Amino acid sequence: MHTGIWVNGGIVELAGSGLVRSVSPTRFLHNRTGEQIFTMGDDRANILSSDLAAVNAQQRIFEYVNYDVIANNCNRFVASCFDLDNTKEIMLFEELTENLANFFNRTPVFYPTAIVF
């Protein structure tokens, strides 16, 4: 599963090349195994968002990092935008989700977006 941060109609992601970039939802899905984007919300369908994460993600656009599918991947990038205490320990989507649950102090629910491409 690929993760990124939705900001101003684009998704800030860490690409496999190591480039942090903002891409359209269509580009985010291009050559991926999934055909749907999910947003994280709570059990009442309120989107869980963070101004801190959005600002941090935007500030990192065009940055290059040493990408590694295990050691420095998209999940760790998202965690770093939230400034999570144990960012360097996060590798798997499940670890990211667990840490974001603690960050928001609620269990996240993933909702398919209603975006038409």
N, C-alpha and C. Protein backbone atom coordinates (compact mmCIF):
# COMPACT_ATOMS: atom_id res chain seq x y z
N MET A 1 0.84 -1.17 0.00
CA MET A 1 0.00 0.00 0.00
C MET A 1 0.89 1.23 0.00
N HIS A 2 0.58 2.18 -0.86
CA HIS A 2 1.34 3.42 -0.97
C HIS A 2 0.63 4.51 -0.18
N THR A 3 1.40 5.31 0.56
CA THR A 3 0.81 6.37 1.37
C THR A 3 1.37 7.72 1.00
N GLY A 4 0.57 8.73 1.25
CA GLY A 4 0.96 10.11 1.01
C GLY A 4 0.06 11.02 1.81
N ILE A 5 0.26 12.32 1.66
CA ILE A 5 -0.53 13.30 2.39
C ILE A 5 -1.24 14.21 1.40
N TRP A 6 -2.56 14.24 1.52
CA TRP A 6 -3.40 15.04 0.62
C TRP A 6 -3.31 16.50 1.04
N VAL A 7 -2.85 17.36 0.13
CA VAL A 7 -2.72 18.79 0.41
C VAL A 7 -3.15 19.57 -0.82
N ASN A 8 -4.14 20.41 -0.67
CA ASN A 8 -4.59 21.32 -1.74
C ASN A 8 -4.86 20.61 -3.07
N GLY A 9 -5.54 19.50 -3.02
CA GLY A 9 -5.94 18.80 -4.24
C GLY A 9 -4.90 17.87 -4.82
N GLY A 10 -3.70 17.87 -4.27
CA GLY A 10 -2.65 16.96 -4.71
C GLY A 10 -2.22 16.07 -3.55
N ILE A 11 -1.45 15.06 -3.85
CA ILE A 11 -0.96 14.15 -2.83
C ILE A 11 0.56 14.25 -2.80
N VAL A 12 1.09 14.63 -1.63
CA VAL A 12 2.53 14.70 -1.46
C VAL A 12 3.00 13.30 -1.11
N GLU A 13 3.92 12.78 -1.90
CA GLU A 13 4.40 11.42 -1.74
C GLU A 13 5.91 11.37 -1.82
N LEU A 14 6.46 10.29 -1.29
CA LEU A 14 7.86 9.96 -1.50
C LEU A 14 7.89 8.92 -2.61
N ALA A 15 8.41 9.31 -3.75
CA ALA A 15 8.48 8.40 -4.89
C ALA A 15 9.65 7.43 -4.71
N GLY A 16 9.61 6.34 -5.44
CA GLY A 16 10.68 5.34 -5.39
C GLY A 16 12.03 5.87 -5.81
N SER A 17 12.04 7.00 -6.51
CA SER A 17 13.30 7.63 -6.92
C SER A 17 13.94 8.39 -5.77
N GLY A 18 13.18 8.60 -4.68
CA GLY A 18 13.67 9.38 -3.56
C GLY A 18 13.19 10.82 -3.60
N LEU A 19 12.46 11.19 -4.64
CA LEU A 19 11.95 12.56 -4.78
C LEU A 19 10.63 12.70 -4.03
N VAL A 20 10.55 13.72 -3.20
CA VAL A 20 9.28 14.09 -2.58
C VAL A 20 8.59 15.02 -3.56
N ARG A 21 7.37 14.68 -3.92
CA ARG A 21 6.67 15.46 -4.95
C ARG A 21 5.18 15.49 -4.65
N SER A 22 4.51 16.46 -5.25
CA SER A 22 3.06 16.54 -5.19
C SER A 22 2.53 16.08 -6.53
N VAL A 23 1.61 15.12 -6.49
CA VAL A 23 1.07 14.57 -7.72
C VAL A 23 -0.46 14.59 -7.66
N SER A 24 -1.07 14.50 -8.82
CA SER A 24 -2.52 14.42 -8.89
C SER A 24 -2.97 13.06 -8.37
N PRO A 25 -4.24 12.93 -7.96
CA PRO A 25 -4.74 11.62 -7.55
C PRO A 25 -4.57 10.56 -8.65
N THR A 26 -4.77 10.95 -9.90
CA THR A 26 -4.60 10.00 -11.00
C THR A 26 -3.16 9.51 -11.08
N ARG A 27 -2.21 10.43 -10.96
CA ARG A 27 -0.79 10.06 -11.01
C ARG A 27 -0.41 9.21 -9.79
N PHE A 28 -1.00 9.50 -8.65
CA PHE A 28 -0.72 8.74 -7.44
C PHE A 28 -1.07 7.27 -7.63
N LEU A 29 -2.13 6.99 -8.37
CA LEU A 29 -2.56 5.61 -8.61
C LEU A 29 -1.85 4.94 -9.78
N HIS A 30 -1.22 5.73 -10.65
CA HIS A 30 -0.60 5.20 -11.87
C HIS A 30 0.47 4.15 -11.53
N ASN A 31 0.37 2.99 -12.18
CA ASN A 31 1.30 1.87 -11.99
C ASN A 31 1.34 1.36 -10.56
N ARG A 32 0.22 1.44 -9.87
CA ARG A 32 0.10 0.91 -8.51
C ARG A 32 -0.85 -0.28 -8.57
N THR A 33 -0.85 -1.07 -7.53
CA THR A 33 -1.73 -2.24 -7.51
C THR A 33 -3.18 -1.86 -7.19
N GLY A 34 -3.39 -0.75 -6.51
CA GLY A 34 -4.74 -0.34 -6.15
C GLY A 34 -5.36 0.58 -7.19
N GLU A 35 -6.67 0.63 -7.19
CA GLU A 35 -7.38 1.52 -8.11
C GLU A 35 -8.23 2.53 -7.35
N GLN A 36 -8.01 2.65 -6.06
CA GLN A 36 -8.83 3.51 -5.22
C GLN A 36 -7.94 4.21 -4.21
N ILE A 37 -8.27 5.47 -3.93
CA ILE A 37 -7.59 6.21 -2.88
C ILE A 37 -8.49 6.22 -1.66
N PHE A 38 -7.89 6.01 -0.51
CA PHE A 38 -8.63 6.02 0.75
C PHE A 38 -8.17 7.20 1.59
N THR A 39 -9.10 7.82 2.29
CA THR A 39 -8.76 8.86 3.24
C THR A 39 -9.00 8.32 4.64
N MET A 40 -8.25 8.85 5.58
CA MET A 40 -8.33 8.38 6.95
C MET A 40 -9.29 9.28 7.74
N GLY A 41 -10.25 8.65 8.37
CA GLY A 41 -11.21 9.38 9.19
C GLY A 41 -11.48 8.66 10.49
N ASP A 42 -12.44 9.17 11.23
CA ASP A 42 -12.84 8.49 12.46
C ASP A 42 -14.12 7.70 12.22
N ASP A 43 -14.66 7.12 13.27
CA ASP A 43 -15.83 6.28 13.10
C ASP A 43 -17.11 7.05 12.77
N ARG A 44 -17.04 8.37 12.75
CA ARG A 44 -18.17 9.21 12.35
C ARG A 44 -17.94 9.84 10.97
N ALA A 45 -16.95 9.33 10.26
CA ALA A 45 -16.59 9.77 8.90
C ALA A 45 -16.04 11.19 8.86
N ASN A 46 -15.49 11.67 9.99
CA ASN A 46 -14.78 12.95 10.00
C ASN A 46 -13.34 12.68 9.55
N ILE A 47 -12.87 13.42 8.57
CA ILE A 47 -11.51 13.24 8.09
C ILE A 47 -10.53 13.62 9.20
N LEU A 48 -9.53 12.79 9.41
CA LEU A 48 -8.48 13.10 10.37
C LEU A 48 -7.37 13.83 9.62
N SER A 49 -7.16 15.08 9.98
CA SER A 49 -6.17 15.88 9.28
C SER A 49 -5.28 16.59 10.28
N SER A 50 -4.16 17.07 9.80
CA SER A 50 -3.20 17.77 10.64
C SER A 50 -2.57 18.90 9.84
N ASP A 51 -2.71 20.12 10.34
CA ASP A 51 -2.05 21.25 9.69
C ASP A 51 -0.54 21.07 9.72
N LEU A 52 -0.03 20.54 10.83
CA LEU A 52 1.41 20.29 10.95
C LEU A 52 1.90 19.36 9.84
N ALA A 53 1.20 18.26 9.62
CA ALA A 53 1.60 17.30 8.59
C ALA A 53 1.53 17.93 7.20
N ALA A 54 0.48 18.72 6.95
CA ALA A 54 0.34 19.37 5.64
C ALA A 54 1.48 20.35 5.39
N VAL A 55 1.80 21.16 6.37
CA VAL A 55 2.89 22.13 6.22
C VAL A 55 4.22 21.41 6.04
N ASN A 56 4.47 20.40 6.87
CA ASN A 56 5.73 19.65 6.74
C ASN A 56 5.85 18.98 5.38
N ALA A 57 4.76 18.40 4.89
CA ALA A 57 4.79 17.75 3.58
C ALA A 57 5.09 18.77 2.48
N GLN A 58 4.41 19.90 2.51
CA GLN A 58 4.64 20.93 1.49
C GLN A 58 6.07 21.45 1.51
N GLN A 59 6.63 21.60 2.69
CA GLN A 59 8.00 22.11 2.80
C GLN A 59 9.03 21.14 2.26
N ARG A 60 8.66 19.88 2.15
CA ARG A 60 9.61 18.87 1.69
C ARG A 60 9.52 18.59 0.19
N ILE A 61 8.55 19.19 -0.50
CA ILE A 61 8.42 18.98 -1.95
C ILE A 61 9.73 19.37 -2.64
N PHE A 62 10.18 18.55 -3.53
CA PHE A 62 11.41 18.65 -4.32
C PHE A 62 12.65 18.22 -3.53
N GLU A 63 12.47 17.76 -2.31
CA GLU A 63 13.58 17.20 -1.54
C GLU A 63 13.88 15.79 -2.07
N TYR A 64 15.14 15.43 -2.06
CA TYR A 64 15.54 14.05 -2.38
C TYR A 64 16.00 13.37 -1.10
N VAL A 65 15.54 12.15 -0.91
CA VAL A 65 15.98 11.35 0.23
C VAL A 65 16.49 10.01 -0.29
N ASN A 66 17.24 9.33 0.53
CA ASN A 66 17.77 8.03 0.16
C ASN A 66 16.66 7.00 0.36
N TYR A 67 15.86 6.79 -0.68
CA TYR A 67 14.71 5.88 -0.60
C TYR A 67 15.17 4.44 -0.47
N ASP A 68 14.50 3.74 0.41
CA ASP A 68 14.70 2.29 0.55
C ASP A 68 13.34 1.70 0.88
N VAL A 69 12.92 0.68 0.17
CA VAL A 69 11.59 0.11 0.33
C VAL A 69 11.32 -0.35 1.76
N ILE A 70 12.35 -0.69 2.50
CA ILE A 70 12.17 -1.12 3.88
C ILE A 70 12.60 -0.02 4.87
N ALA A 71 13.78 0.51 4.69
CA ALA A 71 14.36 1.40 5.69
C ALA A 71 13.92 2.86 5.59
N ASN A 72 13.46 3.30 4.43
CA ASN A 72 13.08 4.72 4.27
C ASN A 72 12.03 4.82 3.17
N ASN A 73 10.82 4.43 3.51
CA ASN A 73 9.76 4.31 2.51
C ASN A 73 8.66 5.36 2.70
N CYS A 74 7.58 5.23 1.95
CA CYS A 74 6.49 6.20 1.98
C CYS A 74 5.81 6.27 3.35
N ASN A 75 5.72 5.15 4.05
CA ASN A 75 5.10 5.16 5.38
C ASN A 75 5.94 5.96 6.36
N ARG A 76 7.23 5.81 6.28
CA ARG A 76 8.12 6.59 7.14
C ARG A 76 8.07 8.07 6.77
N PHE A 77 7.96 8.37 5.49
CA PHE A 77 7.82 9.76 5.06
C PHE A 77 6.57 10.40 5.68
N VAL A 78 5.44 9.70 5.59
CA VAL A 78 4.20 10.23 6.18
C VAL A 78 4.37 10.42 7.67
N ALA A 79 4.96 9.44 8.35
CA ALA A 79 5.19 9.56 9.79
C ALA A 79 6.05 10.77 10.11
N SER A 80 7.05 11.03 9.29
CA SER A 80 7.93 12.17 9.55
C SER A 80 7.18 13.49 9.38
N CYS A 81 6.21 13.54 8.49
CA CYS A 81 5.42 14.76 8.31
C CYS A 81 4.55 15.03 9.54
N PHE A 82 4.13 13.97 10.21
CA PHE A 82 3.37 14.12 11.45
C PHE A 82 4.29 14.33 12.65
N ASP A 83 5.60 14.24 12.42
CA ASP A 83 6.59 14.44 13.47
C ASP A 83 6.38 13.46 14.62
N LEU A 84 6.10 12.20 14.26
CA LEU A 84 5.88 11.18 15.27
C LEU A 84 7.19 10.85 15.98
N ASP A 85 7.10 10.58 17.27
CA ASP A 85 8.29 10.34 18.10
C ASP A 85 9.15 9.20 17.57
N ASN A 86 8.54 8.15 17.10
CA ASN A 86 9.30 6.97 16.69
C ASN A 86 9.30 6.80 15.16
N THR A 87 9.38 7.89 14.43
CA THR A 87 9.34 7.86 12.97
C THR A 87 10.33 6.86 12.39
N LYS A 88 11.53 6.81 12.94
CA LYS A 88 12.57 5.94 12.37
C LYS A 88 12.29 4.46 12.57
N GLU A 89 11.32 4.13 13.41
CA GLU A 89 10.95 2.74 13.63
C GLU A 89 9.79 2.30 12.75
N ILE A 90 9.17 3.23 12.06
CA ILE A 90 7.98 2.92 11.26
C ILE A 90 8.39 2.48 9.87
N MET A 91 7.90 1.30 9.48
CA MET A 91 8.19 0.76 8.17
C MET A 91 6.90 0.32 7.48
N LEU A 92 6.06 -0.39 8.20
CA LEU A 92 4.85 -0.98 7.64
C LEU A 92 3.65 -0.04 7.77
N PHE A 93 2.68 -0.23 6.88
CA PHE A 93 1.45 0.55 6.94
C PHE A 93 0.75 0.36 8.28
N GLU A 94 0.76 -0.85 8.79
CA GLU A 94 0.12 -1.14 10.08
C GLU A 94 0.78 -0.35 11.21
N GLU A 95 2.10 -0.20 11.15
CA GLU A 95 2.82 0.58 12.17
C GLU A 95 2.46 2.06 12.06
N LEU A 96 2.37 2.54 10.84
CA LEU A 96 1.96 3.93 10.63
C LEU A 96 0.55 4.16 11.17
N THR A 97 -0.36 3.27 10.84
CA THR A 97 -1.75 3.39 11.28
C THR A 97 -1.84 3.39 12.80
N GLU A 98 -1.13 2.51 13.44
CA GLU A 98 -1.14 2.44 14.90
C GLU A 98 -0.63 3.75 15.52
N ASN A 99 0.44 4.29 14.96
CA ASN A 99 0.99 5.53 15.48
C ASN A 99 0.09 6.72 15.21
N LEU A 100 -0.60 6.72 14.07
CA LEU A 100 -1.54 7.80 13.79
C LEU A 100 -2.77 7.70 14.68
N ALA A 101 -3.16 6.49 15.04
CA ALA A 101 -4.25 6.32 16.01
C ALA A 101 -3.88 6.97 17.33
N ASN A 102 -2.65 6.79 17.76
CA ASN A 102 -2.18 7.43 18.99
C ASN A 102 -2.10 8.95 18.83
N PHE A 103 -1.64 9.41 17.67
CA PHE A 103 -1.52 10.84 17.40
C PHE A 103 -2.89 11.52 17.49
N PHE A 104 -3.90 10.91 16.87
CA PHE A 104 -5.25 11.49 16.85
C PHE A 104 -6.09 11.05 18.05
N ASN A 105 -5.58 10.11 18.82
CA ASN A 105 -6.30 9.58 19.97
C ASN A 105 -7.67 9.01 19.58
N ARG A 106 -7.69 8.31 18.46
CA ARG A 106 -8.90 7.61 18.02
C ARG A 106 -8.51 6.57 16.99
N THR A 107 -9.35 5.59 16.84
CA THR A 107 -9.11 4.53 15.87
C THR A 107 -9.44 5.02 14.47
N PRO A 108 -8.48 4.98 13.56
CA PRO A 108 -8.76 5.44 12.21
C PRO A 108 -9.59 4.43 11.41
N VAL A 109 -10.42 4.98 10.55
CA VAL A 109 -11.22 4.20 9.61
C VAL A 109 -10.84 4.72 8.23
N PHE A 110 -10.70 3.83 7.27
CA PHE A 110 -10.29 4.25 5.93
C PHE A 110 -11.50 4.23 5.00
N TYR A 111 -11.76 5.39 4.41
CA TYR A 111 -12.92 5.57 3.53
C TYR A 111 -12.46 5.76 2.10
N PRO A 112 -13.10 5.07 1.15
CA PRO A 112 -12.76 5.32 -0.25
C PRO A 112 -13.18 6.74 -0.63
N THR A 113 -12.35 7.39 -1.41
CA THR A 113 -12.68 8.74 -1.86
C THR A 113 -13.77 8.68 -2.93
N ALA A 114 -14.44 9.79 -3.07
CA ALA A 114 -15.51 9.88 -4.08
C ALA A 114 -15.00 10.64 -5.29
N ILE A 115 -13.71 10.62 -5.51
CA ILE A 115 -13.13 11.36 -6.63
C ILE A 115 -13.36 10.61 -7.92
N VAL A 116 -13.79 11.32 -8.92
CA VAL A 116 -13.97 10.74 -10.24
C VAL A 116 -12.77 11.14 -11.09
N PHE A 117 -12.13 10.16 -11.70
CA PHE A 117 -10.94 10.43 -12.51
C PHE A 117 -11.29 10.46 -13.97
